[in-house]
Amino acid sequence: MYADDLVLMVKKNEIEELLKSLFDISKEFDLKINPTKSAILMVKNHEKLEDDSLFDIPVAEEYRYLGILMNGMGSINPHMEKI
């Protein structure tokens, strides 16, 4: 079973703990997270993570969520430029 359209907002120093909890709870309820349909988007001040991915979820510079393209500043300008 898959869960769709989940957004997690967390401070940089809490992201690993939150993702670990998410994966633990998902496993408990037999849910799967598809890393190829997921991304970590660091919003605000372009904070960077040390790794290119966490728990096999890639870190992205922009991400499309529910059809809207958003960048690391929380802006939808990339989306507006393409329509």
Protein backbone atom coordinates (compact mmCIF):
# COMPACT_ATOMS: atom_id res chain seq x y z
CA MET A 1 0.00 0.00 0.00
CA TYR A 2 1.21 3.51 -0.77
CA ALA A 3 0.44 6.84 0.85
CA ASP A 4 0.24 9.79 -1.54
CA ASP A 5 0.95 13.51 -1.33
CA LEU A 6 2.68 13.86 1.97
CA VAL A 7 4.47 17.09 2.89
CA LEU A 8 6.70 17.32 5.92
CA MET A 9 8.02 20.65 7.15
CA VAL A 10 10.87 20.50 9.60
CA LYS A 11 13.99 22.34 10.65
CA LYS A 12 17.24 21.19 9.08
CA ASN A 13 18.59 19.75 12.33
CA GLU A 14 15.45 17.59 12.75
CA ILE A 15 15.11 16.15 9.25
CA GLU A 16 16.97 12.88 9.79
CA GLU A 17 15.02 12.08 12.95
CA LEU A 18 11.72 12.87 11.22
CA LEU A 19 12.53 10.73 8.18
CA LYS A 20 13.60 7.83 10.40
CA SER A 21 10.28 8.09 12.27
CA LEU A 22 8.38 8.27 8.98
CA PHE A 23 10.07 5.12 7.66
CA ASP A 24 9.58 3.28 10.98
CA ILE A 25 5.87 4.13 11.10
CA SER A 26 5.44 3.32 7.42
CA LYS A 27 6.97 -0.09 7.97
CA GLU A 28 4.72 -0.70 10.99
CA PHE A 29 1.61 -0.04 8.86
CA ASP A 30 3.00 -1.81 5.78
CA LEU A 31 3.21 1.40 3.75
CA LYS A 32 5.96 2.01 1.20
CA ILE A 33 7.67 5.28 0.39
CA ASN A 34 8.75 5.56 -3.21
CA PRO A 35 12.06 7.49 -3.26
CA THR A 36 11.78 8.03 -7.02
CA LYS A 37 8.57 10.01 -6.48
CA SER A 38 9.91 11.88 -3.45
CA ALA A 39 12.38 14.67 -2.82
CA ILE A 40 13.82 16.78 -0.06
CA LEU A 41 13.53 20.47 -0.86
CA MET A 42 15.44 22.73 1.47
CA VAL A 43 13.40 25.94 1.63
CA LYS A 44 14.56 29.26 3.07
CA ASN A 45 18.05 30.67 2.73
CA HIS A 46 19.10 27.75 0.50
CA GLU A 47 20.27 25.68 3.43
CA LYS A 48 22.25 22.70 2.25
CA LEU A 49 22.42 19.15 3.48
CA GLU A 50 25.78 17.44 3.58
CA ASP A 51 24.48 14.54 1.47
CA ASP A 52 22.76 14.35 -1.92
CA SER A 53 20.04 12.18 -0.38
CA LEU A 54 18.70 10.90 2.92
CA PHE A 55 17.13 7.45 3.22
CA ASP A 56 17.48 7.22 -0.59
CA ILE A 57 15.28 10.32 -1.03
CA PRO A 58 17.15 12.80 -3.26
CA VAL A 59 17.76 16.41 -2.31
CA ALA A 60 16.32 18.66 -5.07
CA GLU A 61 16.74 22.32 -6.00
CA GLU A 62 13.12 22.46 -7.17
CA TYR A 63 10.18 20.12 -6.83
CA ARG A 64 6.77 19.73 -8.41
CA TYR A 65 4.03 19.18 -5.85
CA LEU A 66 0.41 18.77 -6.94
CA GLY A 67 1.36 20.20 -10.32
CA ILE A 68 3.10 23.33 -8.96
CA LEU A 69 6.86 23.73 -9.41
CA MET A 70 8.52 25.30 -6.37
CA ASN A 71 12.15 26.24 -5.78
CA GLY A 72 14.31 26.32 -2.65
CA MET A 73 13.21 29.85 -1.82
CA GLY A 74 9.61 28.68 -1.58
CA SER A 75 8.81 30.54 -4.79
CA ILE A 76 6.53 29.29 -7.56
CA ASN A 77 8.21 31.58 -10.12
CA PRO A 78 9.71 28.54 -11.90
CA HIS A 79 6.15 27.30 -12.40
CA MET A 80 4.84 30.66 -13.57
CA GLU A 81 7.67 31.00 -16.11
CA LYS A 82 6.68 27.69 -17.73
CA ILE A 83 2.98 28.43 -18.20
